[in-house]
N, C-alpha and C. Protein backbone atom coordinates (compact mmCIF):
# COMPACT_ATOMS: atom_id res chain seq x y z
N MET A 1 -34.89 24.09 58.92
CA MET A 1 -33.73 24.50 58.13
C MET A 1 -32.44 24.30 58.90
N ASN A 2 -32.50 24.48 60.23
CA ASN A 2 -31.30 24.23 61.01
C ASN A 2 -30.87 22.77 60.92
N LYS A 3 -31.85 21.87 60.68
CA LYS A 3 -31.52 20.45 60.55
C LYS A 3 -30.68 20.20 59.29
N ILE A 4 -30.90 21.00 58.25
CA ILE A 4 -30.13 20.84 57.02
C ILE A 4 -28.67 21.16 57.27
N VAL A 5 -28.41 22.28 57.96
CA VAL A 5 -27.03 22.65 58.29
C VAL A 5 -26.39 21.58 59.17
N THR A 6 -27.12 21.12 60.19
CA THR A 6 -26.59 20.10 61.09
C THR A 6 -26.26 18.82 60.33
N THR A 7 -27.15 18.42 59.42
CA THR A 7 -26.93 17.21 58.64
C THR A 7 -25.67 17.31 57.79
N LEU A 8 -25.49 18.45 57.12
CA LEU A 8 -24.30 18.62 56.27
C LEU A 8 -23.02 18.62 57.10
N ILE A 9 -23.06 19.25 58.27
CA ILE A 9 -21.88 19.27 59.14
C ILE A 9 -21.55 17.85 59.60
N VAL A 10 -22.57 17.06 59.95
CA VAL A 10 -22.35 15.67 60.34
C VAL A 10 -21.73 14.89 59.20
N ILE A 11 -22.21 15.12 57.96
CA ILE A 11 -21.65 14.44 56.80
C ILE A 11 -20.17 14.78 56.64
N VAL A 12 -19.85 16.09 56.77
CA VAL A 12 -18.46 16.53 56.62
C VAL A 12 -17.55 15.83 57.63
N PHE A 13 -17.96 15.82 58.91
CA PHE A 13 -17.10 15.22 59.92
C PHE A 13 -17.07 13.70 59.80
N SER A 14 -18.14 13.09 59.30
CA SER A 14 -18.12 11.64 59.07
C SER A 14 -17.12 11.30 57.98
N ILE A 15 -17.10 12.12 56.92
CA ILE A 15 -16.13 11.90 55.84
C ILE A 15 -14.71 12.12 56.33
N LEU A 16 -14.52 13.16 57.13
CA LEU A 16 -13.18 13.44 57.65
C LEU A 16 -12.65 12.30 58.51
N SER A 17 -13.56 11.58 59.16
CA SER A 17 -13.12 10.50 60.05
C SER A 17 -12.47 9.35 59.31
N VAL A 18 -12.76 9.19 58.01
CA VAL A 18 -12.15 8.10 57.25
C VAL A 18 -10.74 8.45 56.81
N GLN A 19 -10.28 9.66 57.04
CA GLN A 19 -8.94 10.05 56.60
C GLN A 19 -7.88 9.18 57.26
N VAL A 20 -8.13 8.76 58.49
CA VAL A 20 -7.16 7.93 59.20
C VAL A 20 -6.92 6.63 58.45
N HIS A 21 -7.95 6.12 57.76
CA HIS A 21 -7.85 4.83 57.09
C HIS A 21 -7.49 4.94 55.62
N ALA A 22 -7.54 6.17 55.08
CA ALA A 22 -7.30 6.31 53.63
C ALA A 22 -6.56 7.59 53.32
N GLN A 23 -5.44 7.78 54.02
CA GLN A 23 -4.73 9.04 53.88
C GLN A 23 -4.19 9.26 52.48
N ASP A 24 -3.85 8.17 51.76
CA ASP A 24 -3.29 8.35 50.43
C ASP A 24 -4.34 8.83 49.44
N ALA A 25 -5.63 8.73 49.78
CA ALA A 25 -6.70 9.14 48.87
C ALA A 25 -7.26 10.51 49.25
N VAL A 26 -6.63 11.19 50.20
CA VAL A 26 -7.17 12.44 50.72
C VAL A 26 -6.24 13.60 50.40
N LYS A 27 -6.82 14.68 49.93
CA LYS A 27 -6.10 15.93 49.75
C LYS A 27 -6.87 17.03 50.48
N THR A 28 -6.17 17.80 51.30
CA THR A 28 -6.78 18.95 51.96
C THR A 28 -6.05 20.21 51.53
N GLY A 29 -6.75 21.34 51.56
CA GLY A 29 -6.11 22.57 51.14
C GLY A 29 -6.98 23.79 51.33
N ALA A 30 -6.55 24.88 50.75
CA ALA A 30 -7.24 26.17 50.87
C ALA A 30 -7.58 26.67 49.48
N LYS A 31 -8.64 27.49 49.41
CA LYS A 31 -9.06 28.03 48.13
C LYS A 31 -9.75 29.36 48.35
N GLY A 32 -9.83 30.14 47.28
CA GLY A 32 -10.51 31.44 47.36
C GLY A 32 -10.78 31.95 45.96
N GLY A 33 -11.61 32.98 45.89
CA GLY A 33 -11.93 33.53 44.58
C GLY A 33 -12.99 34.61 44.67
N LEU A 34 -13.70 34.80 43.58
CA LEU A 34 -14.68 35.86 43.46
C LEU A 34 -16.09 35.31 43.29
N ASN A 35 -17.04 35.96 43.97
CA ASN A 35 -18.46 35.71 43.78
C ASN A 35 -19.06 36.83 42.94
N PHE A 36 -19.89 36.45 41.98
CA PHE A 36 -20.72 37.40 41.26
C PHE A 36 -22.15 37.07 41.65
N ALA A 37 -22.62 37.75 42.68
CA ALA A 37 -23.85 37.35 43.36
C ALA A 37 -25.01 38.24 42.96
N THR A 38 -26.13 37.61 42.76
CA THR A 38 -27.39 38.32 42.57
C THR A 38 -28.48 37.53 43.28
N MET A 39 -29.71 37.96 43.11
CA MET A 39 -30.83 37.28 43.74
C MET A 39 -31.99 37.25 42.77
N SER A 40 -32.86 36.29 42.97
CA SER A 40 -34.06 36.23 42.15
C SER A 40 -34.91 37.47 42.40
N ASP A 41 -35.81 37.76 41.50
CA ASP A 41 -36.72 38.88 41.65
C ASP A 41 -36.07 40.22 41.32
N GLY A 42 -35.16 40.21 40.32
CA GLY A 42 -34.73 41.47 39.73
C GLY A 42 -33.55 42.18 40.34
N TYR A 43 -32.69 41.51 41.07
CA TYR A 43 -31.53 42.15 41.67
C TYR A 43 -30.37 42.20 40.67
N ASP A 44 -29.56 43.26 40.78
CA ASP A 44 -28.32 43.35 40.01
C ASP A 44 -27.19 42.71 40.79
N THR A 45 -26.01 42.61 40.15
CA THR A 45 -24.90 41.83 40.70
C THR A 45 -24.12 42.59 41.76
N ARG A 46 -23.80 41.88 42.83
CA ARG A 46 -22.83 42.34 43.82
C ARG A 46 -21.60 41.45 43.70
N THR A 47 -20.42 42.05 43.57
CA THR A 47 -19.18 41.29 43.50
C THR A 47 -18.56 41.20 44.90
N GLY A 48 -18.23 39.99 45.32
CA GLY A 48 -17.62 39.77 46.62
C GLY A 48 -16.57 38.70 46.54
N PHE A 49 -16.09 38.23 47.69
CA PHE A 49 -15.08 37.18 47.69
C PHE A 49 -15.63 35.94 48.37
N VAL A 50 -15.00 34.82 48.09
CA VAL A 50 -15.28 33.56 48.76
C VAL A 50 -13.94 32.94 49.11
N ILE A 51 -13.79 32.45 50.33
CA ILE A 51 -12.50 31.94 50.79
C ILE A 51 -12.73 30.86 51.84
N GLY A 52 -11.88 29.84 51.84
CA GLY A 52 -12.03 28.80 52.84
C GLY A 52 -11.12 27.61 52.58
N GLY A 53 -11.58 26.43 53.00
CA GLY A 53 -10.78 25.22 52.87
C GLY A 53 -11.60 24.07 52.34
N PHE A 54 -10.89 23.01 51.91
CA PHE A 54 -11.57 21.85 51.36
C PHE A 54 -10.80 20.58 51.71
N ALA A 55 -11.49 19.47 51.58
CA ALA A 55 -10.88 18.16 51.68
C ALA A 55 -11.44 17.31 50.55
N LYS A 56 -10.56 16.72 49.75
CA LYS A 56 -10.98 15.88 48.63
C LYS A 56 -10.68 14.43 48.96
N PHE A 57 -11.73 13.61 48.96
CA PHE A 57 -11.62 12.20 49.32
C PHE A 57 -11.83 11.36 48.07
N GLY A 58 -10.76 10.79 47.55
CA GLY A 58 -10.86 9.95 46.39
C GLY A 58 -11.42 8.57 46.73
N ILE A 59 -12.20 8.01 45.81
CA ILE A 59 -12.71 6.65 45.95
C ILE A 59 -11.80 5.75 45.10
N PRO A 60 -11.10 4.79 45.72
CA PRO A 60 -10.12 3.97 44.99
C PRO A 60 -10.72 3.32 43.74
N ASP A 61 -9.96 3.33 42.65
CA ASP A 61 -10.35 2.70 41.39
C ASP A 61 -11.67 3.25 40.85
N SER A 62 -11.89 4.53 41.07
CA SER A 62 -13.14 5.15 40.63
C SER A 62 -12.86 6.58 40.19
N PRO A 63 -13.60 7.08 39.21
CA PRO A 63 -13.45 8.49 38.82
C PRO A 63 -14.17 9.44 39.77
N LEU A 64 -14.82 8.90 40.78
CA LEU A 64 -15.60 9.71 41.71
C LEU A 64 -14.79 10.10 42.94
N SER A 65 -15.07 11.28 43.46
CA SER A 65 -14.51 11.73 44.74
C SER A 65 -15.55 12.60 45.43
N ILE A 66 -15.34 12.81 46.72
CA ILE A 66 -16.24 13.64 47.52
C ILE A 66 -15.42 14.78 48.09
N GLN A 67 -15.93 16.00 47.94
CA GLN A 67 -15.18 17.18 48.37
C GLN A 67 -16.04 18.08 49.26
N PRO A 68 -15.97 17.91 50.58
CA PRO A 68 -16.62 18.88 51.47
C PRO A 68 -15.76 20.13 51.60
N GLU A 69 -16.41 21.25 51.78
CA GLU A 69 -15.72 22.54 51.91
C GLU A 69 -16.34 23.34 53.05
N VAL A 70 -15.56 24.25 53.60
CA VAL A 70 -16.06 25.25 54.53
C VAL A 70 -15.60 26.60 54.01
N MET A 71 -16.56 27.46 53.64
CA MET A 71 -16.24 28.69 52.93
C MET A 71 -16.93 29.89 53.58
N TYR A 72 -16.22 31.03 53.56
CA TYR A 72 -16.87 32.31 53.87
C TYR A 72 -17.27 32.93 52.54
N SER A 73 -18.57 33.18 52.37
CA SER A 73 -19.10 33.57 51.06
C SER A 73 -19.88 34.88 51.16
N GLN A 74 -19.42 35.89 50.41
CA GLN A 74 -20.09 37.18 50.35
C GLN A 74 -21.14 37.16 49.24
N GLN A 75 -22.41 37.38 49.61
CA GLN A 75 -23.50 37.27 48.66
C GLN A 75 -24.43 38.49 48.78
N GLY A 76 -25.54 38.44 48.09
CA GLY A 76 -26.49 39.54 48.12
C GLY A 76 -26.79 40.04 46.73
N GLY A 77 -26.93 41.36 46.58
CA GLY A 77 -27.24 41.95 45.29
C GLY A 77 -27.51 43.42 45.42
N LYS A 78 -27.85 44.06 44.31
CA LYS A 78 -28.14 45.48 44.29
C LYS A 78 -29.55 45.69 43.74
N LEU A 79 -30.29 46.62 44.38
CA LEU A 79 -31.65 46.90 43.96
C LEU A 79 -31.99 48.34 44.32
N ASP A 80 -32.43 49.11 43.31
CA ASP A 80 -32.87 50.50 43.54
C ASP A 80 -31.82 51.33 44.27
N ASN A 81 -30.58 51.29 43.79
CA ASN A 81 -29.47 52.06 44.36
C ASN A 81 -29.08 51.62 45.76
N ASN A 82 -29.58 50.48 46.21
CA ASN A 82 -29.19 49.91 47.49
C ASN A 82 -28.40 48.63 47.26
N GLU A 83 -27.32 48.46 48.02
CA GLU A 83 -26.56 47.21 47.97
C GLU A 83 -26.91 46.37 49.18
N ILE A 84 -27.40 45.17 48.92
CA ILE A 84 -27.72 44.23 49.98
C ILE A 84 -26.55 43.28 50.15
N ARG A 85 -25.99 43.25 51.36
CA ARG A 85 -24.84 42.38 51.65
C ARG A 85 -25.27 41.32 52.66
N ILE A 86 -25.23 40.07 52.21
CA ILE A 86 -25.54 38.95 53.11
C ILE A 86 -24.41 37.95 52.98
N ASP A 87 -23.65 37.78 54.04
CA ASP A 87 -22.49 36.89 54.03
C ASP A 87 -22.78 35.65 54.87
N TYR A 88 -22.23 34.53 54.43
CA TYR A 88 -22.52 33.24 55.06
C TYR A 88 -21.25 32.46 55.34
N LEU A 89 -21.30 31.64 56.39
CA LEU A 89 -20.36 30.54 56.55
C LEU A 89 -21.04 29.35 55.88
N GLN A 90 -20.47 28.90 54.78
CA GLN A 90 -21.15 27.97 53.89
C GLN A 90 -20.44 26.61 53.87
N VAL A 91 -21.23 25.55 53.85
CA VAL A 91 -20.69 24.19 53.82
C VAL A 91 -21.27 23.45 52.62
N PRO A 92 -20.54 23.44 51.48
CA PRO A 92 -20.94 22.59 50.36
C PRO A 92 -20.37 21.17 50.54
N VAL A 93 -21.09 20.19 50.02
CA VAL A 93 -20.58 18.82 49.92
C VAL A 93 -20.72 18.43 48.46
N LEU A 94 -19.59 18.40 47.74
CA LEU A 94 -19.59 18.22 46.29
C LEU A 94 -19.19 16.79 45.92
N PHE A 95 -19.90 16.25 44.95
CA PHE A 95 -19.58 14.95 44.38
C PHE A 95 -18.94 15.20 43.01
N LYS A 96 -17.67 14.82 42.88
CA LYS A 96 -16.88 15.16 41.69
C LYS A 96 -16.69 13.93 40.80
N PHE A 97 -16.75 14.17 39.50
CA PHE A 97 -16.52 13.13 38.51
C PHE A 97 -15.35 13.55 37.63
N ALA A 98 -14.26 12.78 37.67
CA ALA A 98 -13.08 13.07 36.86
C ALA A 98 -13.31 12.60 35.44
N MET A 99 -13.15 13.53 34.49
CA MET A 99 -13.39 13.20 33.09
C MET A 99 -12.22 12.46 32.46
N SER A 100 -11.06 12.51 33.11
CA SER A 100 -9.91 11.69 32.69
C SER A 100 -9.08 11.42 33.93
N GLN A 101 -8.39 10.30 33.96
CA GLN A 101 -7.60 9.90 35.11
C GLN A 101 -6.21 9.48 34.68
N GLY A 102 -5.28 9.55 35.63
CA GLY A 102 -3.95 9.03 35.39
C GLY A 102 -2.94 10.06 34.91
N GLY A 103 -3.39 11.26 34.56
CA GLY A 103 -2.47 12.29 34.11
C GLY A 103 -2.28 13.36 35.17
N THR A 104 -1.44 14.32 34.85
CA THR A 104 -1.21 15.42 35.79
C THR A 104 -2.33 16.47 35.73
N VAL A 105 -3.12 16.47 34.64
CA VAL A 105 -4.24 17.39 34.50
C VAL A 105 -5.53 16.59 34.49
N GLU A 106 -6.42 16.93 35.44
CA GLU A 106 -7.66 16.16 35.61
C GLU A 106 -8.88 17.09 35.55
N PRO A 107 -9.52 17.20 34.39
CA PRO A 107 -10.76 17.99 34.33
C PRO A 107 -11.88 17.23 35.04
N ASN A 108 -12.83 17.97 35.60
CA ASN A 108 -13.88 17.33 36.36
C ASN A 108 -15.18 18.12 36.31
N LEU A 109 -16.25 17.43 36.58
CA LEU A 109 -17.56 18.02 36.79
C LEU A 109 -18.00 17.70 38.21
N PHE A 110 -18.82 18.57 38.80
CA PHE A 110 -19.25 18.32 40.18
C PHE A 110 -20.64 18.91 40.44
N ALA A 111 -21.27 18.37 41.47
CA ALA A 111 -22.56 18.87 41.91
C ALA A 111 -22.78 18.41 43.34
N GLY A 112 -23.61 19.14 44.08
CA GLY A 112 -23.92 18.74 45.44
C GLY A 112 -24.68 19.82 46.18
N PRO A 113 -25.16 19.49 47.37
CA PRO A 113 -25.90 20.46 48.17
C PRO A 113 -24.96 21.36 48.97
N TYR A 114 -25.50 22.48 49.40
CA TYR A 114 -24.78 23.34 50.34
C TYR A 114 -25.76 23.91 51.35
N ALA A 115 -25.24 24.29 52.48
CA ALA A 115 -26.01 25.01 53.49
C ALA A 115 -25.14 26.11 54.05
N GLY A 116 -25.76 27.21 54.45
CA GLY A 116 -25.00 28.34 54.96
C GLY A 116 -25.64 28.96 56.19
N LEU A 117 -24.81 29.43 57.09
CA LEU A 117 -25.25 30.13 58.28
C LEU A 117 -24.91 31.61 58.12
N ARG A 118 -25.91 32.47 58.22
CA ARG A 118 -25.71 33.90 58.01
C ARG A 118 -24.75 34.48 59.06
N ILE A 119 -23.74 35.21 58.56
CA ILE A 119 -22.77 35.87 59.42
C ILE A 119 -23.02 37.37 59.49
N LEU A 120 -23.45 37.95 58.38
CA LEU A 120 -23.63 39.40 58.29
C LEU A 120 -24.79 39.68 57.34
N ALA A 121 -25.59 40.71 57.67
CA ALA A 121 -26.65 41.17 56.77
C ALA A 121 -26.79 42.68 56.94
N GLU A 122 -26.52 43.42 55.86
CA GLU A 122 -26.62 44.86 55.94
C GLU A 122 -26.99 45.44 54.58
N GLN A 123 -27.48 46.66 54.62
CA GLN A 123 -27.88 47.37 53.41
C GLN A 123 -27.17 48.71 53.37
N GLU A 124 -26.60 49.04 52.22
CA GLU A 124 -25.95 50.32 52.04
C GLU A 124 -26.67 51.10 50.96
N GLY A 125 -26.95 52.39 51.26
CA GLY A 125 -27.65 53.23 50.31
C GLY A 125 -28.93 53.76 50.92
N GLY A 126 -29.44 54.85 50.35
CA GLY A 126 -30.65 55.46 50.87
C GLY A 126 -30.41 56.07 52.23
N ALA A 127 -31.47 56.22 52.99
CA ALA A 127 -31.36 56.80 54.33
C ALA A 127 -30.91 55.73 55.31
N GLY A 128 -30.41 56.15 56.43
CA GLY A 128 -30.02 55.22 57.48
C GLY A 128 -28.53 54.97 57.46
N GLY A 129 -28.05 54.57 58.62
CA GLY A 129 -26.63 54.32 58.75
C GLY A 129 -25.88 55.60 59.01
N LEU A 130 -24.83 55.49 59.78
CA LEU A 130 -24.02 56.64 60.11
C LEU A 130 -23.39 57.23 58.86
N PHE A 131 -23.55 58.54 58.64
CA PHE A 131 -23.05 59.24 57.46
C PHE A 131 -23.58 58.62 56.17
N GLY A 132 -24.83 58.15 56.23
CA GLY A 132 -25.42 57.54 55.05
C GLY A 132 -24.84 56.19 54.71
N GLY A 133 -24.24 55.51 55.70
CA GLY A 133 -23.57 54.24 55.46
C GLY A 133 -24.50 53.05 55.54
N SER A 134 -24.05 52.01 56.23
CA SER A 134 -24.75 50.73 56.23
C SER A 134 -25.78 50.64 57.35
N THR A 135 -26.84 49.87 57.08
CA THR A 135 -27.89 49.60 58.05
C THR A 135 -27.96 48.09 58.27
N ASN A 136 -27.99 47.68 59.52
CA ASN A 136 -28.11 46.26 59.84
C ASN A 136 -29.52 45.77 59.48
N ILE A 137 -29.60 44.68 58.71
CA ILE A 137 -30.91 44.14 58.32
C ILE A 137 -31.03 42.66 58.71
N GLU A 138 -30.33 42.26 59.77
CA GLU A 138 -30.40 40.86 60.18
C GLU A 138 -31.82 40.45 60.54
N ASN A 139 -32.62 41.37 61.11
CA ASN A 139 -33.98 41.02 61.48
C ASN A 139 -34.90 40.87 60.27
N GLN A 140 -34.40 41.20 59.07
CA GLN A 140 -35.18 41.04 57.84
C GLN A 140 -34.73 39.83 57.02
N THR A 141 -33.74 39.10 57.51
CA THR A 141 -33.18 37.99 56.75
C THR A 141 -33.24 36.70 57.56
N GLU A 142 -33.31 35.60 56.81
CA GLU A 142 -33.29 34.28 57.45
C GLU A 142 -31.87 33.92 57.87
N GLN A 143 -31.75 33.18 58.96
CA GLN A 143 -30.42 32.83 59.47
C GLN A 143 -29.75 31.75 58.64
N VAL A 144 -30.54 30.90 58.00
CA VAL A 144 -30.00 29.74 57.29
C VAL A 144 -30.35 29.82 55.81
N ASP A 145 -29.38 29.49 54.97
CA ASP A 145 -29.59 29.41 53.53
C ASP A 145 -29.17 28.00 53.08
N TYR A 146 -29.78 27.52 52.00
CA TYR A 146 -29.38 26.23 51.45
C TYR A 146 -29.74 26.18 49.98
N GLY A 147 -29.09 25.28 49.26
CA GLY A 147 -29.35 25.17 47.84
C GLY A 147 -28.47 24.12 47.20
N LEU A 148 -28.28 24.26 45.88
CA LEU A 148 -27.50 23.31 45.10
C LEU A 148 -26.34 24.03 44.42
N SER A 149 -25.22 23.35 44.33
CA SER A 149 -24.03 23.88 43.67
C SER A 149 -23.62 22.93 42.57
N PHE A 150 -23.29 23.46 41.39
CA PHE A 150 -22.81 22.61 40.31
C PHE A 150 -21.87 23.39 39.41
N GLY A 151 -20.96 22.68 38.76
CA GLY A 151 -19.99 23.35 37.91
C GLY A 151 -18.94 22.40 37.40
N GLY A 152 -17.78 22.97 37.03
CA GLY A 152 -16.69 22.18 36.51
C GLY A 152 -15.36 22.84 36.82
N GLY A 153 -14.31 22.06 36.72
CA GLY A 153 -12.99 22.61 37.01
C GLY A 153 -11.89 21.71 36.52
N VAL A 154 -10.70 22.02 37.00
CA VAL A 154 -9.54 21.21 36.64
C VAL A 154 -8.59 21.14 37.83
N ASP A 155 -8.06 19.95 38.10
CA ASP A 155 -7.04 19.74 39.12
C ASP A 155 -5.72 19.47 38.41
N ILE A 156 -4.68 20.20 38.78
CA ILE A 156 -3.38 20.07 38.13
C ILE A 156 -2.36 19.61 39.17
N GLU A 157 -1.79 18.44 38.98
CA GLU A 157 -0.82 17.89 39.92
C GLU A 157 0.55 18.50 39.66
N VAL A 158 1.12 19.09 40.71
CA VAL A 158 2.46 19.67 40.64
C VAL A 158 3.24 19.16 41.85
N GLY A 159 4.12 18.19 41.62
CA GLY A 159 4.84 17.58 42.73
C GLY A 159 3.87 16.83 43.62
N ASN A 160 3.91 17.13 44.93
CA ASN A 160 3.02 16.49 45.89
C ASN A 160 1.76 17.30 46.13
N SER A 161 1.60 18.38 45.42
CA SER A 161 0.43 19.24 45.61
C SER A 161 -0.45 19.24 44.37
N ILE A 162 -1.67 19.74 44.55
CA ILE A 162 -2.61 19.87 43.44
C ILE A 162 -3.13 21.30 43.41
N PHE A 163 -3.00 21.95 42.26
CA PHE A 163 -3.63 23.24 42.05
C PHE A 163 -5.02 23.01 41.47
N THR A 164 -6.00 23.73 41.98
CA THR A 164 -7.37 23.57 41.52
C THR A 164 -7.91 24.88 40.99
N MET A 165 -8.73 24.78 39.97
CA MET A 165 -9.47 25.92 39.45
C MET A 165 -10.88 25.43 39.13
N ASP A 166 -11.89 26.19 39.53
CA ASP A 166 -13.24 25.78 39.16
C ASP A 166 -14.16 26.99 38.99
N ALA A 167 -15.22 26.75 38.25
CA ALA A 167 -16.30 27.71 38.08
C ALA A 167 -17.58 27.01 38.49
N ARG A 168 -18.38 27.66 39.32
CA ARG A 168 -19.59 27.02 39.81
C ARG A 168 -20.76 27.99 39.88
N TYR A 169 -21.93 27.41 39.93
CA TYR A 169 -23.15 28.20 40.09
C TYR A 169 -23.90 27.67 41.30
N ASN A 170 -24.16 28.54 42.25
CA ASN A 170 -24.92 28.19 43.44
C ASN A 170 -26.37 28.65 43.26
N PHE A 171 -27.28 27.70 43.28
CA PHE A 171 -28.69 27.97 43.06
C PHE A 171 -29.42 27.86 44.40
N GLY A 172 -29.74 29.00 44.99
CA GLY A 172 -30.39 29.00 46.29
C GLY A 172 -31.82 28.50 46.23
N LEU A 173 -32.19 27.67 47.18
CA LEU A 173 -33.55 27.15 47.28
C LEU A 173 -34.35 27.80 48.40
N ALA A 174 -33.67 28.48 49.30
CA ALA A 174 -34.33 29.11 50.44
C ALA A 174 -34.51 30.60 50.18
N ASN A 175 -35.58 31.15 50.73
CA ASN A 175 -35.79 32.59 50.67
C ASN A 175 -34.84 33.26 51.66
N ALA A 176 -34.08 34.25 51.21
CA ALA A 176 -33.11 34.90 52.08
C ALA A 176 -33.77 35.88 53.05
N PHE A 177 -34.97 36.36 52.69
CA PHE A 177 -35.63 37.39 53.48
C PHE A 177 -36.84 36.84 54.22
N THR A 178 -37.19 37.49 55.31
CA THR A 178 -38.36 37.10 56.09
C THR A 178 -39.63 37.76 55.58
N ASP A 179 -39.49 38.87 54.84
CA ASP A 179 -40.67 39.67 54.49
C ASP A 179 -40.86 39.88 53.00
N ARG A 180 -39.98 39.31 52.16
CA ARG A 180 -40.12 39.45 50.72
C ARG A 180 -39.34 38.35 50.01
N ASP A 181 -39.58 38.24 48.70
CA ASP A 181 -38.93 37.19 47.93
C ASP A 181 -37.48 37.56 47.61
N GLY A 182 -36.67 36.56 47.46
CA GLY A 182 -35.27 36.76 47.07
C GLY A 182 -34.44 35.54 47.43
N LYS A 183 -34.07 34.76 46.41
CA LYS A 183 -33.22 33.60 46.61
C LYS A 183 -31.86 33.86 45.95
N HIS A 184 -30.82 33.35 46.57
CA HIS A 184 -29.47 33.62 46.08
C HIS A 184 -29.19 32.92 44.75
N ARG A 185 -28.51 33.64 43.87
CA ARG A 185 -28.01 33.11 42.61
C ARG A 185 -26.56 33.60 42.50
N VAL A 186 -25.61 32.70 42.60
CA VAL A 186 -24.19 33.09 42.71
C VAL A 186 -23.35 32.32 41.71
N PHE A 187 -22.62 33.05 40.87
CA PHE A 187 -21.60 32.46 40.01
C PHE A 187 -20.25 32.75 40.65
N ALA A 188 -19.44 31.72 40.83
CA ALA A 188 -18.16 31.87 41.53
C ALA A 188 -17.03 31.26 40.72
N ILE A 189 -15.88 31.91 40.78
CA ILE A 189 -14.64 31.38 40.21
C ILE A 189 -13.63 31.27 41.36
N THR A 190 -13.08 30.08 41.56
CA THR A 190 -12.16 29.88 42.67
C THR A 190 -10.87 29.22 42.22
N PHE A 191 -9.81 29.48 43.00
CA PHE A 191 -8.49 28.89 42.78
C PHE A 191 -8.02 28.35 44.13
N GLY A 192 -7.36 27.19 44.11
CA GLY A 192 -6.91 26.62 45.37
C GLY A 192 -5.66 25.78 45.21
N ILE A 193 -5.12 25.36 46.34
CA ILE A 193 -3.94 24.50 46.35
C ILE A 193 -4.08 23.54 47.51
N SER A 194 -3.75 22.27 47.26
CA SER A 194 -3.78 21.28 48.33
C SER A 194 -2.46 21.28 49.09
N LEU A 195 -2.51 20.83 50.32
CA LEU A 195 -1.29 20.67 51.10
C LEU A 195 -0.56 19.41 50.63
N PRO A 196 0.77 19.41 50.65
CA PRO A 196 1.50 18.21 50.25
C PRO A 196 1.14 17.02 51.13
N SER A 197 1.01 15.87 50.53
CA SER A 197 0.69 14.66 51.28
C SER A 197 1.88 14.22 52.11
N SER A 198 1.62 13.85 53.36
CA SER A 198 2.71 13.42 54.25
C SER A 198 3.23 12.03 53.88
N ASN A 199 2.46 11.32 53.02
CA ASN A 199 2.88 9.97 52.65
C ASN A 199 3.78 9.94 51.43
N ASN A 200 3.94 11.13 50.75
CA ASN A 200 4.72 11.15 49.51
C ASN A 200 6.11 11.69 49.77
């Protein structure tokens, strides 16, 4: 599983290396939003945030682009009055298809793999934890998560910048726990803005 994370990171930096040769086709920026996270096997929803950065690499004369991201993603779920919090440093690599081109508003569809490295794992509720607070459960969770991300959004060009909005569903393929079933299922809504291009 560590090879999956390494592979995605290599892909991201390989894509970033072409920016020197195609700066006019590249947009970088920041984005953030809300996660509505649950898990397979009967978990209720935990609401958290997702925040990070992206780089969008356009393919000349094509409706396709590639968008790697680096995101901090709060995930987990609720079960039997306990809230499970598992947060990741997540690296999606999205392949985007523009449904229309040439205008200031560009709706799109996207899909791609993601991998995540666990940053935090804790449980709140029941016994344990100072004053009935949180209990560290890192020894009960896997360090690496991976899965598929797909959804749709819209890019809106305003001057030299692009405002982005998207809705996506992250379908976890890895078991989050070492001792029981539970794969991540996350619906996310994000908003972002690209940095102005230095060439414009």
